[in-house]
């Protein structure tokens, strides 16, 4: 499949020289990543955010540094390199610029990443994007993912990360909502409230994750852990708007909730982005399991001011530059989720208590 994509890309003028993504000097910015230092800590901090335009201000990282995270999750739109025709020269240029940006920041914490549409290659793109194998390789090369990493040998960027924190386990599941995602239904009243761009599909054959990823996800959710996070580049709980989100495939959203109930998972935290607005959401399933979602966006790409409908939301949304911060206190079995703006002000927060 990968060779076939290279051949097709060549005839369409889309072959990208890997040197445009890799650092010719061999300098490592993001690797190797190490988490040994958190093993003995009773409290750790996980920062996260999305929508980082390579041509805009990096001022938010001063606030991020001041919060002293132990790690940071880039959860999508980590560069803006998509084009309508699918050519990836713009992507390569975006990655080169972003590499220089990160070099200048001199961050002292490891970064993990998953993509969304603007670093996938096409706005709101899904499984039918013809250059996804090439953009996937560009993503892996940019983030310096090792050659023996599972993401190098299967389709899609989904994976699991386990962190040992003071004898407790935090699981981070990174979902790929692009590579295998089915078709969305365009709005029949574009721009109308709740139908801004898309409406929920009635076609239950359309998948958000693809069956292989669903099987993998069920296995990972069956693991016994103390704290569980699911990173989804697009919003999961949020409803009331007509932008891309899990609600545009309601049968897939219900499948996830059914799986959570089947496995009796309480207090699962979804970390999402994409929307150029930040918000916190909460929902209790039929099985009485609580699901939380913290959306953080943008790190610098503000575009959509004003409020929107949000029946499951706690408080208001925030459309200026922001990032999310999770603080896990293993001694007290408490998780604090915060949304923080560029000046360091906490704009919204939740506290989740876990049974000892």
Protein backbone atom coordinates (compact mmCIF):
# COMPACT_ATOMS: atom_id res chain seq x y z
CA UNK A 1 0.00 0.00 0.00
CA UNK A 2 2.78 2.42 0.89
CA UNK A 3 4.69 1.76 -2.37
CA UNK A 4 1.46 2.12 -4.33
CA UNK A 5 0.83 5.51 -2.70
CA UNK A 6 4.34 6.67 -3.58
CA UNK A 7 3.79 5.74 -7.21
CA UNK A 8 0.45 7.53 -7.34
CA UNK A 9 1.91 10.56 -5.61
CA UNK A 10 4.76 10.71 -8.10
CA UNK A 11 2.39 10.96 -11.05
CA UNK A 12 0.43 13.70 -9.30
CA UNK A 13 3.58 15.59 -8.42
CA UNK A 14 3.29 14.95 -4.70
CA UNK A 15 6.49 13.06 -3.87
CA UNK A 16 8.11 14.66 -0.84
CA UNK A 17 11.83 14.43 -0.19
CA UNK A 18 12.21 13.12 3.35
CA UNK A 19 15.00 15.62 3.93
CA UNK A 20 12.31 18.31 3.87
CA UNK A 21 10.91 16.80 7.10
CA UNK A 22 13.96 15.32 8.77
CA UNK A 23 16.69 17.49 10.18
CA UNK A 24 19.67 17.10 7.82
CA UNK A 25 22.10 17.66 10.70
CA UNK A 26 20.57 14.78 12.66
CA UNK A 27 19.69 16.97 15.62
CA UNK A 28 17.05 15.48 17.93
CA UNK A 29 14.47 17.81 19.39
CA UNK A 30 11.74 15.45 20.63
CA UNK A 31 13.63 12.22 21.32
CA UNK A 32 14.64 10.22 23.19
CA UNK A 33 11.67 10.56 25.53
CA UNK A 34 12.01 9.44 29.13
CA UNK A 35 9.50 9.19 31.97
CA UNK A 36 11.61 7.49 34.60
CA UNK A 37 11.64 10.66 36.67
CA UNK A 38 7.89 10.42 37.41
CA UNK A 39 7.99 6.88 38.82
CA UNK A 40 8.64 8.06 42.38
CA UNK A 41 6.49 11.19 42.23
CA UNK A 42 3.14 11.29 44.01
CA UNK A 43 1.95 14.19 41.85
CA UNK A 44 2.43 14.63 38.10
CA UNK A 45 1.23 17.20 35.60
CA UNK A 46 0.23 16.48 32.02
CA UNK A 47 -0.23 19.47 29.73
CA UNK A 48 -2.07 19.29 26.43
CA UNK A 49 -3.33 21.44 23.60
CA UNK A 50 -4.10 21.63 19.90
CA UNK A 51 -4.12 23.97 16.93
CA UNK A 52 -0.59 25.37 16.72
CA UNK A 53 -0.09 27.40 13.56
CA UNK A 54 3.60 27.42 12.65
CA UNK A 55 3.34 31.04 11.49
CA UNK A 56 1.76 32.50 14.63
CA UNK A 57 2.94 33.48 18.10
CA UNK A 58 4.40 30.90 20.47
CA UNK A 59 3.60 33.02 23.51
CA UNK A 60 1.40 30.33 25.09
CA UNK A 61 4.50 28.25 25.79
CA UNK A 62 5.64 30.74 28.41
CA UNK A 63 2.50 29.95 30.36
CA UNK A 64 2.96 26.23 29.68
CA UNK A 65 6.54 26.35 30.98
CA UNK A 66 5.40 28.22 34.08
CA UNK A 67 2.96 25.40 34.90
CA UNK A 68 5.93 22.96 34.97
CA UNK A 69 4.33 19.94 33.26
CA UNK A 70 6.02 16.54 33.38
CA UNK A 71 4.93 15.96 29.78
CA UNK A 72 2.89 17.66 27.08
CA UNK A 73 0.44 16.18 24.59
CA UNK A 74 0.07 17.75 21.16
CA UNK A 75 -3.36 16.44 20.25
CA UNK A 76 -3.84 17.59 16.68
CA UNK A 77 -3.38 20.35 14.13
CA UNK A 78 0.20 20.52 15.31
CA UNK A 79 1.03 22.22 12.03
CA UNK A 80 -1.14 23.73 9.32
CA UNK A 81 -0.01 22.15 6.08
CA UNK A 82 -3.19 20.90 4.42
CA UNK A 83 -4.18 21.88 0.89
CA UNK A 84 -7.32 21.19 -1.14
CA UNK A 85 -5.43 19.33 -3.86
CA UNK A 86 -3.68 17.06 -1.37
CA UNK A 87 -0.16 18.09 -2.33
CA UNK A 88 2.20 17.85 0.61
CA UNK A 89 4.87 20.41 -0.22
CA UNK A 90 3.03 22.88 2.00
CA UNK A 91 3.07 20.25 4.77
CA UNK A 92 6.81 19.78 4.44
CA UNK A 93 7.33 23.55 4.62
CA UNK A 94 5.08 23.75 7.70
CA UNK A 95 7.06 21.01 9.44
CA UNK A 96 10.36 22.75 8.67
CA UNK A 97 9.07 25.97 10.19
CA UNK A 98 7.62 24.19 13.22
CA UNK A 99 10.90 22.38 13.84
CA UNK A 100 12.63 25.75 14.09
CA UNK A 101 9.87 26.96 16.41
CA UNK A 102 10.29 24.05 18.81
CA UNK A 103 14.06 24.36 18.70
CA UNK A 104 13.75 27.98 19.81
CA UNK A 105 11.50 27.05 22.74
CA UNK A 106 14.08 24.78 24.43
CA UNK A 107 11.38 22.84 26.26
CA UNK A 108 12.51 20.70 29.19
CA UNK A 109 9.68 18.14 29.12
CA UNK A 110 8.84 15.34 26.66
CA UNK A 111 6.14 15.80 24.01
CA UNK A 112 3.76 13.12 22.71
CA UNK A 113 1.52 13.65 19.70
CA UNK A 114 -1.43 12.57 17.58
CA UNK A 115 -2.69 14.26 14.43
CA UNK A 116 -5.86 15.98 13.31
CA UNK A 117 -6.93 17.14 9.87
CA UNK A 118 -4.47 19.99 9.28
CA UNK A 119 -1.45 17.74 9.88
CA UNK A 120 -3.25 14.81 8.23
CA UNK A 121 -3.31 16.64 4.92
CA UNK A 122 -6.85 17.83 4.20
CA UNK A 123 -9.49 19.73 6.15
CA UNK A 124 -11.93 17.35 7.91
CA UNK A 125 -10.24 14.49 6.03
CA UNK A 126 -10.96 10.81 6.51
CA UNK A 127 -10.12 7.39 5.11
CA UNK A 128 -10.57 8.42 1.48
CA UNK A 129 -7.64 10.87 1.55
CA UNK A 130 -5.31 9.39 -1.10
CA UNK A 131 -2.00 10.63 0.37
CA UNK A 132 -2.50 9.53 3.97
CA UNK A 133 0.36 7.00 3.98
CA UNK A 134 2.82 9.70 2.95
CA UNK A 135 1.50 12.24 5.46
CA UNK A 136 1.66 9.53 8.13
CA UNK A 137 5.34 8.95 7.43
CA UNK A 138 6.00 12.69 7.49
CA UNK A 139 4.30 12.90 10.88
CA UNK A 140 6.35 10.02 12.29
CA UNK A 141 9.59 11.46 10.94
CA UNK A 142 8.91 14.93 12.29
CA UNK A 143 8.14 13.67 15.79
CA UNK A 144 11.22 11.38 15.66
CA UNK A 145 9.28 8.18 16.26
CA UNK A 146 11.70 5.19 16.44
CA UNK A 147 11.84 2.71 13.57
CA UNK A 148 10.67 -0.15 15.84
CA UNK A 149 7.59 1.73 17.09
CA UNK A 150 4.28 -0.02 16.35
CA UNK A 151 3.08 3.06 14.46
CA UNK A 152 5.73 2.39 11.82
CA UNK A 153 4.26 -1.02 10.95
CA UNK A 154 0.46 -0.59 10.95
CA UNK A 155 -2.10 1.73 9.40
CA UNK A 156 -2.97 4.65 11.65
CA UNK A 157 -1.31 6.40 14.56
CA UNK A 158 -3.35 4.96 17.43
CA UNK A 159 -1.43 3.63 20.43
CA UNK A 160 -1.32 3.22 24.20
CA UNK A 161 1.04 4.76 26.74
CA UNK A 162 1.30 3.53 30.34
CA UNK A 163 2.83 5.68 33.06
CA UNK A 164 3.86 4.37 36.48
CA UNK A 165 3.28 7.03 39.11
CA UNK A 166 4.06 6.18 42.72
CA UNK A 167 2.97 2.52 42.20
CA UNK A 168 -0.18 3.56 40.33
CA UNK A 169 -0.83 3.30 36.62
CA UNK A 170 -2.09 6.04 34.31
CA UNK A 171 -3.15 4.89 30.86
CA UNK A 172 -3.20 7.27 27.90
CA UNK A 173 -4.97 5.96 24.79
CA UNK A 174 -4.28 7.94 21.63
CA UNK A 175 -7.02 7.43 19.03
CA UNK A 176 -6.59 8.04 15.31
CA UNK A 177 -9.85 9.66 14.13
CA UNK A 178 -8.53 10.28 10.60
CA UNK A 179 -6.92 7.29 8.91
CA UNK A 180 -9.97 4.97 9.01
CA UNK A 181 -12.80 7.46 9.46
CA UNK A 182 -15.82 7.11 7.18
CA UNK A 183 -17.76 9.81 5.36
CA UNK A 184 -19.48 12.72 7.04
CA UNK A 185 -22.84 14.11 5.92
CA UNK A 186 -22.75 17.74 4.84
CA UNK A 187 -25.30 20.09 6.33
CA UNK A 188 -28.62 20.60 4.57
CA UNK A 189 -28.67 24.12 6.03
CA UNK A 190 -25.03 25.19 6.15
CA UNK A 191 -24.34 27.88 8.71
CA UNK A 192 -27.53 27.32 10.70
CA UNK A 193 -27.18 26.88 14.46
CA UNK A 194 -26.49 23.22 15.18
CA UNK A 195 -25.98 22.51 11.47
CA UNK A 196 -23.00 24.75 10.81
CA UNK A 197 -21.17 22.29 8.55
CA UNK A 198 -22.36 18.70 9.16
CA UNK A 199 -25.36 16.73 10.38
CA UNK A 200 -25.31 13.27 12.03
CA UNK A 201 -25.17 10.39 9.58
CA UNK A 202 -27.79 7.65 9.59
CA UNK A 203 -25.43 5.23 7.84
CA UNK A 204 -24.20 2.84 10.52
CA UNK A 205 -21.60 1.43 8.13
CA UNK A 206 -19.56 4.61 8.54
CA UNK A 207 -16.85 4.15 11.17
CA UNK A 208 -14.93 6.65 13.24
CA UNK A 209 -12.03 4.33 14.03
CA UNK A 210 -12.18 1.35 11.68
CA UNK A 211 -12.82 -2.15 13.00
CA UNK A 212 -9.17 -3.02 13.71
CA UNK A 213 -8.80 0.04 15.93
CA UNK A 214 -12.09 -0.75 17.69
CA UNK A 215 -10.91 -4.29 18.51
CA UNK A 216 -7.61 -2.88 19.77
CA UNK A 217 -9.42 -0.24 21.83
CA UNK A 218 -11.63 -2.78 23.58
CA UNK A 219 -8.53 -4.73 24.57
CA UNK A 220 -6.84 -1.63 25.97
CA UNK A 221 -9.94 -0.47 27.85
CA UNK A 222 -10.12 -3.92 29.46
CA UNK A 223 -6.78 -3.27 31.16
CA UNK A 224 -7.00 -2.52 34.89
CA UNK A 225 -5.48 0.91 35.57
CA UNK A 226 -5.89 3.65 38.16
CA UNK A 227 -6.32 6.68 35.87
CA UNK A 228 -7.51 6.50 32.27
CA UNK A 229 -7.31 9.12 29.51
CA UNK A 230 -8.50 8.91 25.92
CA UNK A 231 -6.96 11.39 23.50
CA UNK A 232 -9.30 12.11 20.59
CA UNK A 233 -8.40 14.93 18.25
CA UNK A 234 -12.11 15.69 17.73
CA UNK A 235 -14.68 16.23 20.46
CA UNK A 236 -16.42 13.20 21.94
CA UNK A 237 -19.06 14.33 24.45
CA UNK A 238 -19.83 17.75 23.01
CA UNK A 239 -23.17 18.09 21.23
CA UNK A 240 -25.29 21.05 20.15
CA UNK A 241 -23.07 22.19 17.29
CA UNK A 242 -22.72 21.13 13.66
CA UNK A 243 -18.95 20.93 13.41
CA UNK A 244 -16.95 17.75 13.05
CA UNK A 245 -17.19 15.61 16.20
CA UNK A 246 -18.17 12.10 17.32
CA UNK A 247 -21.85 13.11 17.32
CA UNK A 248 -21.68 13.25 13.51
CA UNK A 249 -21.49 9.45 13.76
CA UNK A 250 -23.90 8.92 16.66
CA UNK A 251 -23.79 5.11 16.44
CA UNK A 252 -20.01 5.23 17.02
CA UNK A 253 -20.41 7.58 19.96
CA UNK A 254 -22.98 5.21 21.47
CA UNK A 255 -20.68 2.27 20.79
CA UNK A 256 -17.98 3.94 22.88
CA UNK A 257 -20.40 4.64 25.71
CA UNK A 258 -21.68 1.06 25.56
CA UNK A 259 -18.12 -0.23 25.80
CA UNK A 260 -17.48 2.00 28.81
CA UNK A 261 -20.56 0.58 30.52
CA UNK A 262 -19.78 -3.00 29.53
CA UNK A 263 -16.35 -2.69 31.12
CA UNK A 264 -17.64 -0.62 34.09
CA UNK A 265 -15.19 2.22 33.51
CA UNK A 266 -15.92 5.21 35.72
CA UNK A 267 -14.34 8.67 35.56
CA UNK A 268 -12.73 8.23 32.16
CA UNK A 269 -11.28 11.50 30.84
CA UNK A 270 -11.36 12.44 27.15
CA UNK A 271 -8.77 15.01 26.07
CA UNK A 272 -9.82 16.71 22.84
CA UNK A 273 -9.11 19.73 20.66
CA UNK A 274 -9.80 20.84 17.08
CA UNK A 275 -12.55 23.37 17.74
CA UNK A 276 -10.59 26.59 18.30
CA UNK A 277 -12.41 26.88 21.61
CA UNK A 278 -11.89 25.35 25.05
CA UNK A 279 -14.55 23.77 27.22
CA UNK A 280 -15.28 21.13 29.87
CA UNK A 281 -18.06 18.55 29.51
CA UNK A 282 -19.60 15.86 31.71
CA UNK A 283 -22.00 12.99 31.06
CA UNK A 284 -23.34 10.06 33.10
CA UNK A 285 -24.01 6.91 31.09
CA UNK A 286 -26.94 4.53 31.46
CA UNK A 287 -24.64 2.37 33.57
CA UNK A 288 -24.03 5.34 35.93
CA UNK A 289 -20.43 5.78 34.78
CA UNK A 290 -19.17 9.35 34.57
CA UNK A 291 -17.39 10.55 31.43
CA UNK A 292 -15.50 13.83 31.39
CA UNK A 293 -14.13 15.74 28.42
CA UNK A 294 -11.68 18.61 28.45
CA UNK A 295 -11.27 20.37 25.10
CA UNK A 296 -8.25 22.62 24.72
CA UNK A 297 -7.89 24.68 21.56
CA UNK A 298 -6.22 26.79 20.26
CA UNK A 299 -2.58 27.05 21.29
CA UNK A 300 -2.37 30.04 18.98
CA UNK A 301 -4.85 29.71 16.06
CA UNK A 302 -7.89 31.65 17.31
CA UNK A 303 -10.67 31.89 14.71
CA UNK A 304 -14.19 31.47 16.14
CA UNK A 305 -15.30 34.01 18.77
CA UNK A 306 -18.72 33.85 20.40
CA UNK A 307 -20.57 31.16 22.34
CA UNK A 308 -22.29 27.99 21.09
CA UNK A 309 -24.85 25.49 22.32
CA UNK A 310 -23.46 22.98 24.81
CA UNK A 311 -26.02 20.96 26.78
CA UNK A 312 -23.34 18.76 28.39
CA UNK A 313 -20.91 21.56 29.05
CA UNK A 314 -19.79 22.84 32.45
CA UNK A 315 -19.56 26.62 32.22
CA UNK A 316 -18.75 28.60 29.10
CA UNK A 317 -16.29 28.04 26.29
CA UNK A 318 -13.14 30.09 25.78
CA UNK A 319 -11.92 31.03 22.30
CA UNK A 320 -8.61 32.73 22.96
CA UNK A 321 -5.21 31.06 23.27
CA UNK A 322 -5.19 28.35 25.95
CA UNK A 323 -3.87 24.96 27.04
CA UNK A 324 -5.09 22.16 29.29
CA UNK A 325 -3.39 20.86 32.41
CA UNK A 326 -4.12 17.60 34.22
CA UNK A 327 -2.74 17.21 37.75
CA UNK A 328 -2.83 13.69 39.17
CA UNK A 329 -2.41 13.34 42.94
CA UNK A 330 -1.87 9.63 43.57
CA UNK A 331 -1.75 9.99 47.35
CA UNK A 332 -5.21 11.56 47.52
CA UNK A 333 -6.64 9.78 44.42
CA UNK A 334 -7.70 13.13 42.99
CA UNK A 335 -7.42 14.49 39.47
CA UNK A 336 -7.60 18.20 38.72
CA UNK A 337 -8.32 19.31 35.17
CA UNK A 338 -7.70 22.95 34.27
CA UNK A 339 -7.91 25.21 31.23
CA UNK A 340 -5.32 27.98 31.38
CA UNK A 341 -4.91 31.04 29.19
CA UNK A 342 -1.77 32.78 27.95
CA UNK A 343 -1.39 34.93 31.06
CA UNK A 344 -1.60 31.88 33.35
CA UNK A 345 -5.19 32.51 34.47
CA UNK A 346 -7.34 29.43 35.13
CA UNK A 347 -10.43 29.86 32.97
CA UNK A 348 -12.24 26.64 33.96
CA UNK A 349 -11.56 23.52 36.01
CA UNK A 350 -12.95 20.25 37.33
CA UNK A 351 -11.96 17.92 40.16
CA UNK A 352 -12.48 14.19 39.87
CA UNK A 353 -12.18 11.91 42.90
CA UNK A 354 -11.30 8.22 42.50
CA UNK A 355 -11.97 5.37 44.88
CA UNK A 356 -8.81 4.25 46.69
